[in-house]
Amino acid sequence: MKVVANIDFDGDCREAFTEYARILGGEVRAMISHRDMPGIADNVPEDRLDRILHAWIDIGDQALMGQDMGDFAGRKGYSVTVSADSVEDARRIFEALSKGGEAAIPFGPQPWSPGFGMTQDRFGVTWVIDSPATE
């Protein structure tokens, strides 16, 4: 079984997922817009045609999904957790995701982890970054 986080955006899914793939060392498997969908595109206003219906990034043996829902979905209250392989990798990911965003819990040691932090990236997504309890 695989559990995959699904993230809603408001027009910047393509940009966010391209950045996430770069930061997390992932590979974009799908980036499908309304324009790419025959039959669906005919009923979509021109200003929404390039919004993403389905995005998928493979990151190791895990994945992230996302789409541009904007005012259609109104979903809120989610976060994505990354459990990195080392404290150094966790710090690198945390710092990269924090650029242009806002750290809620600065990266550092916690009783359960030698490296932990929580940040909201510039796209409004909350990320929890953790590292192994022992290395």
N, C-alpha and C. Protein backbone atom coordinates (compact mmCIF):
# COMPACT_ATOMS: atom_id res chain seq x y z
N MET A 1 0.85 -1.18 0.00
CA MET A 1 0.00 0.00 0.00
C MET A 1 0.89 1.24 0.00
N LYS A 2 0.45 2.26 -0.70
CA LYS A 2 1.14 3.53 -0.71
C LYS A 2 0.15 4.62 -0.37
N VAL A 3 0.53 5.51 0.53
CA VAL A 3 -0.28 6.66 0.87
C VAL A 3 0.37 7.86 0.20
N VAL A 4 -0.40 8.62 -0.57
CA VAL A 4 0.13 9.74 -1.33
C VAL A 4 -0.61 11.00 -0.92
N ALA A 5 0.12 12.01 -0.54
CA ALA A 5 -0.50 13.30 -0.24
C ALA A 5 -0.98 13.94 -1.54
N ASN A 6 -2.10 14.63 -1.47
CA ASN A 6 -2.68 15.30 -2.64
C ASN A 6 -2.85 16.77 -2.27
N ILE A 7 -2.21 17.64 -3.02
CA ILE A 7 -2.14 19.06 -2.66
C ILE A 7 -2.95 19.89 -3.65
N ASP A 8 -3.80 20.77 -3.15
CA ASP A 8 -4.59 21.68 -3.98
C ASP A 8 -3.87 23.02 -4.11
N PHE A 9 -3.87 23.56 -5.32
CA PHE A 9 -3.28 24.86 -5.60
C PHE A 9 -4.31 25.75 -6.28
N ASP A 10 -3.96 27.00 -6.46
CA ASP A 10 -4.84 27.96 -7.11
C ASP A 10 -4.13 28.59 -8.31
N GLY A 11 -3.69 27.73 -9.24
CA GLY A 11 -3.07 28.23 -10.46
C GLY A 11 -1.57 28.08 -10.54
N ASP A 12 -0.92 27.66 -9.46
CA ASP A 12 0.54 27.54 -9.52
C ASP A 12 1.04 26.11 -9.25
N CYS A 13 0.21 25.13 -9.54
CA CYS A 13 0.59 23.73 -9.36
C CYS A 13 1.81 23.37 -10.20
N ARG A 14 1.83 23.77 -11.47
CA ARG A 14 2.96 23.44 -12.35
C ARG A 14 4.27 23.96 -11.77
N GLU A 15 4.27 25.22 -11.36
CA GLU A 15 5.48 25.84 -10.80
C GLU A 15 5.88 25.15 -9.50
N ALA A 16 4.92 24.91 -8.63
CA ALA A 16 5.21 24.27 -7.34
C ALA A 16 5.78 22.87 -7.53
N PHE A 17 5.14 22.07 -8.38
CA PHE A 17 5.59 20.69 -8.55
C PHE A 17 6.94 20.60 -9.26
N THR A 18 7.22 21.53 -10.14
CA THR A 18 8.54 21.58 -10.77
C THR A 18 9.60 21.86 -9.71
N GLU A 19 9.30 22.78 -8.81
CA GLU A 19 10.21 23.13 -7.72
C GLU A 19 10.35 21.97 -6.74
N TYR A 20 9.25 21.32 -6.37
CA TYR A 20 9.32 20.20 -5.45
C TYR A 20 10.15 19.06 -6.02
N ALA A 21 9.98 18.76 -7.30
CA ALA A 21 10.77 17.70 -7.94
C ALA A 21 12.25 18.03 -7.85
N ARG A 22 12.61 19.29 -8.08
CA ARG A 22 14.01 19.69 -8.02
C ARG A 22 14.54 19.58 -6.59
N ILE A 23 13.81 20.10 -5.62
CA ILE A 23 14.26 20.11 -4.23
C ILE A 23 14.36 18.70 -3.67
N LEU A 24 13.36 17.86 -3.94
CA LEU A 24 13.29 16.53 -3.34
C LEU A 24 13.95 15.45 -4.18
N GLY A 25 14.51 15.82 -5.33
CA GLY A 25 15.16 14.84 -6.20
C GLY A 25 14.17 13.90 -6.84
N GLY A 26 12.98 14.39 -7.12
CA GLY A 26 11.93 13.55 -7.70
C GLY A 26 11.84 13.70 -9.20
N GLU A 27 10.94 12.94 -9.78
CA GLU A 27 10.70 12.98 -11.22
C GLU A 27 9.22 13.21 -11.47
N VAL A 28 8.91 14.22 -12.27
CA VAL A 28 7.52 14.50 -12.62
C VAL A 28 7.04 13.41 -13.57
N ARG A 29 6.05 12.64 -13.15
CA ARG A 29 5.49 11.58 -13.98
C ARG A 29 4.31 12.09 -14.81
N ALA A 30 3.56 13.05 -14.27
CA ALA A 30 2.39 13.59 -14.99
C ALA A 30 2.23 15.06 -14.65
N MET A 31 1.83 15.83 -15.67
CA MET A 31 1.49 17.25 -15.50
C MET A 31 0.46 17.54 -16.59
N ILE A 32 -0.80 17.28 -16.29
CA ILE A 32 -1.87 17.32 -17.28
C ILE A 32 -2.78 18.51 -17.00
N SER A 33 -2.92 19.38 -17.98
CA SER A 33 -3.79 20.55 -17.84
C SER A 33 -5.14 20.28 -18.48
N HIS A 34 -6.09 21.20 -18.26
CA HIS A 34 -7.39 21.11 -18.93
C HIS A 34 -7.19 21.08 -20.44
N ARG A 35 -6.26 21.91 -20.92
CA ARG A 35 -5.99 22.01 -22.37
C ARG A 35 -5.58 20.65 -22.96
N ASP A 36 -4.95 19.80 -22.12
CA ASP A 36 -4.48 18.50 -22.58
C ASP A 36 -5.58 17.44 -22.66
N MET A 37 -6.79 17.78 -22.23
CA MET A 37 -7.87 16.81 -22.14
C MET A 37 -8.95 17.06 -23.18
N PRO A 38 -8.92 16.36 -24.30
CA PRO A 38 -9.98 16.52 -25.30
C PRO A 38 -11.34 16.23 -24.68
N GLY A 39 -12.31 17.02 -25.07
CA GLY A 39 -13.66 16.83 -24.52
C GLY A 39 -13.89 17.66 -23.28
N ILE A 40 -12.92 17.71 -22.37
CA ILE A 40 -13.04 18.52 -21.16
C ILE A 40 -12.71 19.97 -21.49
N ALA A 41 -11.65 20.18 -22.28
CA ALA A 41 -11.18 21.53 -22.59
C ALA A 41 -12.27 22.38 -23.25
N ASP A 42 -13.17 21.76 -23.99
CA ASP A 42 -14.23 22.50 -24.67
C ASP A 42 -15.15 23.25 -23.70
N ASN A 43 -15.25 22.77 -22.48
CA ASN A 43 -16.16 23.35 -21.49
C ASN A 43 -15.45 24.18 -20.42
N VAL A 44 -14.18 24.48 -20.64
CA VAL A 44 -13.39 25.22 -19.65
C VAL A 44 -13.08 26.62 -20.18
N PRO A 45 -13.28 27.65 -19.36
CA PRO A 45 -12.96 29.02 -19.80
C PRO A 45 -11.47 29.13 -20.19
N GLU A 46 -11.17 29.96 -21.15
CA GLU A 46 -9.81 30.14 -21.66
C GLU A 46 -8.80 30.42 -20.55
N ASP A 47 -9.18 31.24 -19.57
CA ASP A 47 -8.23 31.60 -18.51
C ASP A 47 -7.94 30.46 -17.54
N ARG A 48 -8.63 29.33 -17.67
CA ARG A 48 -8.38 28.17 -16.81
C ARG A 48 -7.81 26.97 -17.56
N LEU A 49 -7.64 27.08 -18.86
CA LEU A 49 -7.20 25.94 -19.66
C LEU A 49 -5.83 25.41 -19.28
N ASP A 50 -4.93 26.26 -18.81
CA ASP A 50 -3.59 25.81 -18.47
C ASP A 50 -3.43 25.41 -17.00
N ARG A 51 -4.53 25.46 -16.26
CA ARG A 51 -4.49 24.96 -14.88
C ARG A 51 -4.36 23.43 -14.91
N ILE A 52 -3.70 22.91 -13.89
CA ILE A 52 -3.39 21.48 -13.84
C ILE A 52 -4.55 20.69 -13.25
N LEU A 53 -4.95 19.64 -13.99
CA LEU A 53 -5.95 18.69 -13.50
C LEU A 53 -5.31 17.58 -12.68
N HIS A 54 -4.10 17.17 -13.08
CA HIS A 54 -3.43 16.05 -12.41
C HIS A 54 -1.93 16.21 -12.55
N ALA A 55 -1.26 16.27 -11.40
CA ALA A 55 0.21 16.26 -11.36
C ALA A 55 0.65 15.13 -10.44
N TRP A 56 1.75 14.50 -10.80
CA TRP A 56 2.28 13.38 -10.02
C TRP A 56 3.80 13.46 -10.05
N ILE A 57 4.43 13.39 -8.88
CA ILE A 57 5.89 13.32 -8.77
C ILE A 57 6.24 12.03 -8.07
N ASP A 58 7.14 11.25 -8.66
CA ASP A 58 7.73 10.10 -7.98
C ASP A 58 8.95 10.61 -7.22
N ILE A 59 9.02 10.26 -5.93
CA ILE A 59 10.15 10.63 -5.09
C ILE A 59 10.60 9.35 -4.40
N GLY A 60 11.63 8.74 -4.95
CA GLY A 60 12.03 7.43 -4.44
C GLY A 60 10.89 6.46 -4.63
N ASP A 61 10.48 5.76 -3.57
CA ASP A 61 9.36 4.82 -3.66
C ASP A 61 8.05 5.46 -3.19
N GLN A 62 8.03 6.79 -3.10
CA GLN A 62 6.84 7.51 -2.68
C GLN A 62 6.42 8.50 -3.75
N ALA A 63 5.34 9.22 -3.51
CA ALA A 63 4.84 10.14 -4.53
C ALA A 63 4.04 11.27 -3.90
N LEU A 64 3.87 12.34 -4.68
CA LEU A 64 2.97 13.45 -4.37
C LEU A 64 2.05 13.65 -5.56
N MET A 65 0.80 13.99 -5.29
CA MET A 65 -0.15 14.36 -6.34
C MET A 65 -0.63 15.77 -6.07
N GLY A 66 -1.08 16.46 -7.12
CA GLY A 66 -1.61 17.79 -6.93
C GLY A 66 -2.44 18.23 -8.11
N GLN A 67 -3.16 19.35 -7.93
CA GLN A 67 -3.98 19.92 -8.98
C GLN A 67 -4.33 21.36 -8.62
N ASP A 68 -4.70 22.13 -9.65
CA ASP A 68 -5.17 23.50 -9.44
C ASP A 68 -6.68 23.47 -9.25
N MET A 69 -7.09 23.58 -8.01
CA MET A 69 -8.52 23.58 -7.71
C MET A 69 -9.03 24.99 -7.51
N GLY A 70 -8.18 25.87 -6.97
CA GLY A 70 -8.56 27.26 -6.76
C GLY A 70 -9.84 27.40 -5.98
N ASP A 71 -10.72 28.24 -6.46
CA ASP A 71 -11.97 28.51 -5.76
C ASP A 71 -12.99 27.38 -5.92
N PHE A 72 -12.65 26.35 -6.69
CA PHE A 72 -13.56 25.24 -6.92
C PHE A 72 -13.64 24.32 -5.71
N ALA A 73 -12.49 24.00 -5.12
CA ALA A 73 -12.46 22.99 -4.06
C ALA A 73 -12.65 23.57 -2.67
N GLY A 74 -11.95 24.65 -2.37
CA GLY A 74 -12.03 25.24 -1.05
C GLY A 74 -11.47 24.37 0.05
N ARG A 75 -10.64 23.38 -0.31
CA ARG A 75 -10.07 22.49 0.71
C ARG A 75 -8.92 23.19 1.43
N LYS A 76 -8.81 22.93 2.72
CA LYS A 76 -7.74 23.48 3.54
C LYS A 76 -7.39 22.44 4.60
N GLY A 77 -6.32 22.71 5.36
CA GLY A 77 -5.99 21.85 6.49
C GLY A 77 -5.23 20.60 6.09
N TYR A 78 -4.08 20.74 5.52
CA TYR A 78 -3.27 19.60 5.14
C TYR A 78 -1.80 19.96 5.33
N SER A 79 -0.95 18.96 5.39
CA SER A 79 0.49 19.16 5.37
C SER A 79 1.11 17.94 4.72
N VAL A 80 2.35 18.10 4.34
CA VAL A 80 3.11 17.00 3.75
C VAL A 80 4.31 16.76 4.65
N THR A 81 4.54 15.51 5.01
CA THR A 81 5.69 15.16 5.84
C THR A 81 6.75 14.48 5.00
N VAL A 82 7.99 14.94 5.17
CA VAL A 82 9.14 14.32 4.52
C VAL A 82 10.03 13.78 5.62
N SER A 83 10.27 12.48 5.59
CA SER A 83 11.21 11.87 6.53
C SER A 83 12.50 11.63 5.76
N ALA A 84 13.48 12.50 5.97
CA ALA A 84 14.74 12.46 5.22
C ALA A 84 15.64 11.35 5.75
N ASP A 85 16.66 11.02 4.97
CA ASP A 85 17.59 9.95 5.34
C ASP A 85 18.67 10.40 6.31
N SER A 86 18.91 11.72 6.42
CA SER A 86 19.94 12.24 7.32
C SER A 86 19.53 13.63 7.78
N VAL A 87 20.17 14.10 8.84
CA VAL A 87 19.91 15.45 9.34
C VAL A 87 20.31 16.47 8.29
N GLU A 88 21.43 16.24 7.63
CA GLU A 88 21.90 17.18 6.59
C GLU A 88 20.90 17.29 5.45
N ASP A 89 20.37 16.17 5.01
CA ASP A 89 19.38 16.19 3.93
C ASP A 89 18.10 16.87 4.39
N ALA A 90 17.68 16.59 5.63
CA ALA A 90 16.48 17.23 6.17
C ALA A 90 16.67 18.75 6.23
N ARG A 91 17.84 19.19 6.66
CA ARG A 91 18.11 20.63 6.75
C ARG A 91 18.09 21.26 5.35
N ARG A 92 18.69 20.60 4.37
CA ARG A 92 18.72 21.11 3.00
C ARG A 92 17.30 21.28 2.46
N ILE A 93 16.47 20.26 2.65
CA ILE A 93 15.09 20.30 2.17
C ILE A 93 14.31 21.41 2.90
N PHE A 94 14.46 21.48 4.20
CA PHE A 94 13.77 22.50 4.99
C PHE A 94 14.14 23.90 4.51
N GLU A 95 15.42 24.15 4.35
CA GLU A 95 15.87 25.47 3.92
C GLU A 95 15.37 25.82 2.52
N ALA A 96 15.39 24.86 1.62
CA ALA A 96 14.93 25.12 0.25
C ALA A 96 13.43 25.41 0.22
N LEU A 97 12.65 24.65 0.98
CA LEU A 97 11.20 24.87 1.00
C LEU A 97 10.83 26.15 1.74
N SER A 98 11.67 26.60 2.64
CA SER A 98 11.40 27.81 3.43
C SER A 98 11.66 29.10 2.65
N LYS A 99 12.45 29.02 1.57
CA LYS A 99 12.76 30.22 0.79
C LYS A 99 11.47 30.84 0.25
N GLY A 100 11.23 32.09 0.61
CA GLY A 100 10.03 32.78 0.18
C GLY A 100 8.80 32.42 0.99
N GLY A 101 8.95 31.53 1.95
CA GLY A 101 7.84 31.12 2.80
C GLY A 101 8.06 31.58 4.23
N GLU A 102 7.53 30.81 5.17
CA GLU A 102 7.65 31.19 6.57
C GLU A 102 7.77 29.94 7.44
N ALA A 103 8.87 29.87 8.20
CA ALA A 103 9.09 28.74 9.10
C ALA A 103 8.19 28.87 10.32
N ALA A 104 7.42 27.83 10.60
CA ALA A 104 6.57 27.79 11.80
C ALA A 104 7.36 27.25 12.98
N ILE A 105 8.17 26.23 12.75
CA ILE A 105 9.08 25.66 13.75
C ILE A 105 10.45 25.63 13.09
N PRO A 106 11.39 26.46 13.55
CA PRO A 106 12.73 26.47 12.95
C PRO A 106 13.37 25.08 13.02
N PHE A 107 14.17 24.77 12.02
CA PHE A 107 14.82 23.46 11.96
C PHE A 107 15.82 23.33 13.10
N GLY A 108 15.76 22.21 13.82
CA GLY A 108 16.69 21.95 14.90
C GLY A 108 16.34 20.67 15.62
N PRO A 109 17.12 20.33 16.63
CA PRO A 109 16.85 19.09 17.37
C PRO A 109 15.57 19.19 18.20
N GLN A 110 14.90 18.07 18.30
CA GLN A 110 13.72 17.92 19.14
C GLN A 110 13.91 16.65 19.96
N PRO A 111 13.14 16.43 21.01
CA PRO A 111 13.33 15.22 21.82
C PRO A 111 13.22 13.92 21.01
N TRP A 112 12.44 13.91 19.94
CA TRP A 112 12.23 12.72 19.13
C TRP A 112 13.11 12.68 17.88
N SER A 113 13.85 13.75 17.60
CA SER A 113 14.58 13.83 16.34
C SER A 113 15.78 14.77 16.46
N PRO A 114 16.91 14.40 15.85
CA PRO A 114 18.06 15.30 15.85
C PRO A 114 17.88 16.48 14.88
N GLY A 115 16.90 16.39 13.99
CA GLY A 115 16.64 17.48 13.05
C GLY A 115 15.19 17.48 12.61
N PHE A 116 14.45 18.52 12.98
CA PHE A 116 13.03 18.62 12.71
C PHE A 116 12.67 20.08 12.50
N GLY A 117 11.73 20.34 11.59
CA GLY A 117 11.22 21.69 11.39
C GLY A 117 9.91 21.66 10.64
N MET A 118 9.16 22.74 10.75
CA MET A 118 7.91 22.86 10.01
C MET A 118 7.90 24.23 9.35
N THR A 119 7.53 24.26 8.06
CA THR A 119 7.54 25.50 7.31
C THR A 119 6.36 25.55 6.36
N GLN A 120 5.95 26.76 6.03
CA GLN A 120 4.97 26.95 4.97
C GLN A 120 5.73 27.54 3.79
N ASP A 121 5.68 26.87 2.65
CA ASP A 121 6.44 27.33 1.49
C ASP A 121 5.76 28.52 0.83
N ARG A 122 6.38 29.04 -0.20
CA ARG A 122 5.86 30.24 -0.87
C ARG A 122 4.55 29.98 -1.61
N PHE A 123 4.14 28.72 -1.74
CA PHE A 123 2.87 28.37 -2.37
C PHE A 123 1.77 28.16 -1.35
N GLY A 124 2.09 28.29 -0.05
CA GLY A 124 1.09 28.13 1.01
C GLY A 124 0.95 26.72 1.53
N VAL A 125 1.85 25.81 1.13
CA VAL A 125 1.79 24.42 1.57
C VAL A 125 2.63 24.26 2.84
N THR A 126 2.07 23.59 3.84
CA THR A 126 2.80 23.32 5.08
C THR A 126 3.58 22.02 4.94
N TRP A 127 4.86 22.10 5.24
CA TRP A 127 5.77 20.95 5.18
C TRP A 127 6.34 20.65 6.56
N VAL A 128 6.30 19.38 6.95
CA VAL A 128 6.93 18.90 8.18
C VAL A 128 8.15 18.10 7.74
N ILE A 129 9.34 18.56 8.14
CA ILE A 129 10.58 17.92 7.72
C ILE A 129 11.21 17.27 8.94
N ASP A 130 11.50 15.97 8.84
CA ASP A 130 12.02 15.20 9.95
C ASP A 130 13.24 14.41 9.48
N SER A 131 14.06 14.01 10.43
CA SER A 131 15.20 13.16 10.13
C SER A 131 15.16 11.95 11.06
N PRO A 132 15.94 10.91 10.75
CA PRO A 132 15.88 9.70 11.57
C PRO A 132 16.31 9.97 13.01
N ALA A 133 15.72 9.21 13.93
CA ALA A 133 16.06 9.37 15.35
C ALA A 133 17.51 9.03 15.61
N THR A 134 18.06 8.10 14.85
CA THR A 134 19.47 7.74 14.98
C THR A 134 20.07 7.66 13.59
N GLU A 135 21.34 7.95 13.52
CA GLU A 135 22.01 7.89 12.21
C GLU A 135 23.14 6.89 12.24
